[in-house]
C-alpha cells in the first residue's frame, strides 16, 4: 500500500545524543531525515565547519554520513562539537588540574667556598651539575583552533622544587648541608613544558603541562 507524506520538506531531527566532558568539550551525535528528492539540496547544511542545525553553538566536524532508503527518505548522521573556551581555573566550571613531578639535570657555574671538597678551591668558578625534583601542573580545556597557547596566563598555583644532589666538574659531590643554600640561589621560572592539541571541528581540546625551568646565566657562590 502506498503512503503519501505531507510533512516538512526540510531536515527533520529524529535523534540526538549529547556527551559532556570535564575539559569543557561537548559532543552531539544527531540524526536527521528528509525526503530523498530533497536530499541533494539539504545535504550542504551538514557540511564540515558549519553550525549544526538546531544547535548553533556546535560546529560540525566532518561531512554528514548519508543513507538513501528504499522508503523515499534519506537519513543523515552528523557529529558536532562545542567548547566552553574556559581557560581559567577560577571560573565557575573549574578546569581539571593534576599535580605531577619531573626530575631535571642542568649545569651552572658556581664559586665553591668552604664546601670541604677534596680538590683545592680555586678563585675561578667551576661547572656543577644540579639534579632537582620539581612540581608540574597539567590542565585540559578547550580553545579555538586559531588561538595560541602563548595567550594563556601562567598558573597562579605555586610550583616548588628540591635539589636532590649536585656534582662538580671534577666528580666531587657537593655536601648535602650546602644544597639548601644552592637551591635558594637558583634562577627559575614557570614555563610550558608540554602541549598536546586534538582538533574537534572548530575547537581544540588542549592538554598543557607547566613546570619549572631553571636558568643558567649567572654564577653563584655557595
Protein backbone atom coordinates (compact mmCIF):
# COMPACT_ATOMS: atom_id res chain seq x y z
CA UNK A 1 0.00 0.00 0.00
CA UNK A 2 1.41 3.38 -0.97
CA UNK A 3 1.85 6.17 1.58
CA UNK A 4 1.67 9.87 0.93
CA UNK A 5 3.89 12.15 3.10
CA UNK A 6 2.54 15.64 3.77
CA UNK A 7 5.26 16.72 6.23
CA UNK A 8 8.15 19.16 6.11
CA UNK A 9 10.49 19.44 3.15
CA UNK A 10 13.34 20.43 5.48
CA UNK A 11 15.73 18.38 7.58
CA UNK A 12 13.88 16.71 10.44
CA UNK A 13 15.85 15.98 13.62
CA UNK A 14 14.88 12.49 14.77
CA UNK A 15 17.52 11.64 17.36
CA UNK A 16 20.24 13.41 19.33
CA UNK A 17 22.82 12.13 21.82
CA UNK A 18 24.95 14.57 23.81
CA UNK A 19 28.09 13.89 25.83
CA UNK A 20 29.83 16.49 28.01
CA UNK A 21 33.46 16.20 29.07
CA UNK A 22 35.10 17.81 32.09
CA UNK A 23 37.51 19.68 29.81
CA UNK A 24 34.62 21.86 28.60
CA UNK A 25 34.20 19.92 25.35
CA UNK A 26 30.70 18.74 24.36
CA UNK A 27 29.78 16.32 21.56
CA UNK A 28 26.46 15.85 19.81
CA UNK A 29 25.60 12.92 17.53
CA UNK A 30 22.49 13.92 15.58
CA UNK A 31 20.28 12.04 13.12
CA UNK A 32 18.20 13.87 10.51
CA UNK A 33 15.74 12.65 7.91
CA UNK A 34 14.31 14.25 4.79
CA UNK A 35 12.67 13.33 1.50
CA UNK A 36 15.22 11.75 -0.81
CA UNK A 37 14.04 14.09 -3.56
CA UNK A 38 15.24 16.99 -1.35
CA UNK A 39 18.40 15.35 -0.03
CA UNK A 40 20.82 16.85 -2.56
CA UNK A 41 19.60 20.35 -1.72
CA UNK A 42 19.65 19.83 2.07
CA UNK A 43 22.92 17.91 2.38
CA UNK A 44 25.13 21.07 2.20
CA UNK A 45 23.61 22.18 5.53
CA UNK A 46 25.56 19.33 7.15
CA UNK A 47 29.00 20.01 5.70
CA UNK A 48 32.08 20.16 7.93
CA UNK A 49 32.72 23.53 9.55
CA UNK A 50 29.07 24.63 9.57
CA UNK A 51 26.81 25.07 12.59
CA UNK A 52 24.70 22.04 13.42
CA UNK A 53 21.03 22.74 12.55
CA UNK A 54 19.12 23.28 15.75
CA UNK A 55 22.33 23.58 17.82
CA UNK A 56 24.06 26.73 16.65
CA UNK A 57 26.84 26.55 19.24
CA UNK A 58 28.04 23.22 17.83
CA UNK A 59 30.34 23.03 14.81
CA UNK A 60 30.19 20.01 12.51
CA UNK A 61 33.49 18.16 12.37
CA UNK A 62 33.05 16.11 9.18
CA UNK A 63 30.51 15.96 6.38
CA UNK A 64 27.43 14.03 7.43
CA UNK A 65 27.03 10.36 6.51
CA UNK A 66 24.13 9.76 4.14
CA UNK A 67 21.91 6.74 3.56
CA UNK A 68 19.18 6.86 0.91
CA UNK A 69 16.43 4.49 1.98
CA UNK A 70 14.06 2.50 -0.20
CA UNK A 71 11.09 4.18 1.51
CA UNK A 72 11.70 7.53 -0.16
CA UNK A 73 13.55 9.05 2.79
CA UNK A 74 17.22 9.85 3.33
CA UNK A 75 18.97 9.62 6.70
CA UNK A 76 21.90 11.85 7.65
CA UNK A 77 24.09 11.30 10.73
CA UNK A 78 26.31 14.14 11.87
CA UNK A 79 28.74 14.77 14.73
CA UNK A 80 29.42 18.26 16.04
CA UNK A 81 31.40 19.74 18.92
CA UNK A 82 31.27 22.73 21.22
CA UNK A 83 33.94 24.05 23.61
CA UNK A 84 33.30 26.31 26.59
CA UNK A 85 36.66 28.07 25.93
CA UNK A 86 37.14 28.43 29.69
CA UNK A 87 40.88 28.51 30.36
CA UNK A 88 40.97 29.96 33.87
CA UNK A 89 40.51 27.59 36.83
CA UNK A 90 38.99 30.47 38.81
CA UNK A 91 35.91 30.29 36.59
CA UNK A 92 32.67 28.71 37.75
CA UNK A 93 33.44 25.44 35.96
CA UNK A 94 36.85 24.54 37.30
CA UNK A 95 39.38 23.09 34.89
CA UNK A 96 40.69 19.68 35.94
CA UNK A 97 44.22 20.05 37.30
CA UNK A 98 46.73 17.33 38.08
CA UNK A 99 49.92 17.85 40.05
CA UNK A 100 52.87 15.76 38.96
CA UNK A 101 56.65 15.78 39.20
CA UNK A 102 59.68 15.88 36.97
CA UNK A 103 63.39 15.43 37.53
CA UNK A 104 65.82 17.87 35.92
CA UNK A 105 69.58 17.81 35.47
CA UNK A 106 71.24 21.05 34.42
CA UNK A 107 74.66 22.66 34.58
CA UNK A 108 75.51 26.03 36.12
CA UNK A 109 78.67 27.90 37.07
CA UNK A 110 79.40 28.27 40.78
CA UNK A 111 82.07 29.53 43.15
CA UNK A 112 82.52 26.83 45.78
CA UNK A 113 83.57 28.23 49.15
CA UNK A 114 84.00 26.18 52.27
CA UNK A 115 82.30 23.07 50.95
CA UNK A 116 85.07 20.78 52.16
CA UNK A 117 85.66 19.22 48.76
CA UNK A 118 88.83 17.22 48.26
CA UNK A 119 90.06 19.26 45.30
CA UNK A 120 91.57 22.62 46.24
CA UNK A 121 89.21 25.57 45.96
CA UNK A 122 90.39 27.97 43.28
CA UNK A 123 89.25 31.57 42.71
CA UNK A 124 87.56 30.63 39.44
CA UNK A 125 84.06 29.31 39.14
CA UNK A 126 83.57 25.73 38.10
CA UNK A 127 80.75 23.85 36.41
CA UNK A 128 78.42 21.92 38.63
CA UNK A 129 75.58 19.65 37.60
CA UNK A 130 72.43 20.08 39.65
CA UNK A 131 69.76 17.38 39.99
CA UNK A 132 66.38 18.73 41.08
CA UNK A 133 62.90 17.31 41.62
CA UNK A 134 60.12 19.80 40.85
CA UNK A 135 56.32 20.03 40.62
CA UNK A 136 54.40 20.01 37.36
CA UNK A 137 50.81 21.11 36.77
CA UNK A 138 48.67 19.66 33.96
CA UNK A 139 45.33 21.05 32.78
CA UNK A 140 42.93 20.15 29.96
CA UNK A 141 40.50 22.62 28.42
CA UNK A 142 39.18 23.85 25.08
CA UNK A 143 40.45 26.60 22.78
CA UNK A 144 39.58 27.86 19.33
CA UNK A 145 41.72 26.26 16.66
CA UNK A 146 43.08 29.71 15.82
CA UNK A 147 44.09 30.53 19.41
CA UNK A 148 47.70 30.34 20.56
CA UNK A 149 48.76 28.90 23.90
CA UNK A 150 51.02 31.92 24.28
CA UNK A 151 47.89 33.90 25.17
CA UNK A 152 47.31 31.79 28.31
CA UNK A 153 48.11 33.09 31.77
CA UNK A 154 50.78 31.36 33.83
CA UNK A 155 49.09 29.30 36.58
CA UNK A 156 48.80 31.10 39.91
CA UNK A 157 49.45 27.87 41.78
CA UNK A 158 52.97 27.84 43.20
CA UNK A 159 55.26 25.11 41.89
CA UNK A 160 58.11 24.09 44.19
CA UNK A 161 61.35 22.15 43.78
CA UNK A 162 64.05 20.42 45.80
CA UNK A 163 67.72 19.94 44.91
CA UNK A 164 68.46 16.25 45.27
CA UNK A 165 72.20 16.33 44.67
CA UNK A 166 74.92 18.24 42.86
CA UNK A 167 78.31 17.20 41.44
CA UNK A 168 81.12 19.47 40.27
CA UNK A 169 83.08 19.04 37.05
CA UNK A 170 85.77 17.05 38.85
CA UNK A 171 83.30 14.47 40.13
CA UNK A 172 83.08 15.87 43.67
CA UNK A 173 79.67 15.55 45.31
CA UNK A 174 78.54 18.79 46.92
CA UNK A 175 77.86 18.11 50.62
CA UNK A 176 74.14 17.82 51.44
CA UNK A 177 74.42 20.63 54.00
CA UNK A 178 75.06 23.08 51.13
CA UNK A 179 72.13 22.02 48.94
CA UNK A 180 69.56 24.31 50.58
CA UNK A 181 71.90 27.27 50.08
CA UNK A 182 72.36 26.22 46.47
CA UNK A 183 68.59 25.91 45.92
CA UNK A 184 67.94 29.39 47.33
CA UNK A 185 70.23 30.98 44.73
CA UNK A 186 68.93 29.23 41.61
CA UNK A 187 67.16 31.28 38.96
CA UNK A 188 63.92 29.71 37.70
CA UNK A 189 60.59 30.47 36.05
CA UNK A 190 57.32 28.62 35.43
CA UNK A 191 57.03 27.67 31.74
CA UNK A 192 55.04 25.36 29.48
CA UNK A 193 56.95 22.11 29.13
CA UNK A 194 54.48 20.01 27.11
CA UNK A 195 51.46 20.59 24.84
CA UNK A 196 49.01 18.20 23.22
CA UNK A 197 46.23 19.53 20.96
CA UNK A 198 43.42 17.46 19.43
CA UNK A 199 41.09 19.03 16.89
CA UNK A 200 37.30 18.68 17.07
CA UNK A 201 35.99 20.79 14.23
CA UNK A 202 36.11 24.44 15.25
CA UNK A 203 37.54 23.65 18.68
CA UNK A 204 40.72 22.13 20.05
CA UNK A 205 40.95 20.10 23.23
CA UNK A 206 44.27 21.12 24.74
CA UNK A 207 46.36 19.48 27.44
CA UNK A 208 49.15 21.67 28.78
CA UNK A 209 51.77 20.88 31.40
CA UNK A 210 53.60 23.67 33.19
CA UNK A 211 56.84 23.09 35.04
CA UNK A 212 59.86 24.84 36.48
CA UNK A 213 62.58 25.92 34.05
CA UNK A 214 65.97 26.70 35.60
CA UNK A 215 68.24 29.46 34.38
CA UNK A 216 71.98 29.03 33.91
CA UNK A 217 73.14 32.53 33.06
CA UNK A 218 74.79 33.71 36.27
CA UNK A 219 77.43 32.24 38.54
CA UNK A 220 76.51 31.71 42.16
CA UNK A 221 78.54 31.28 45.33
CA UNK A 222 77.98 28.50 47.85
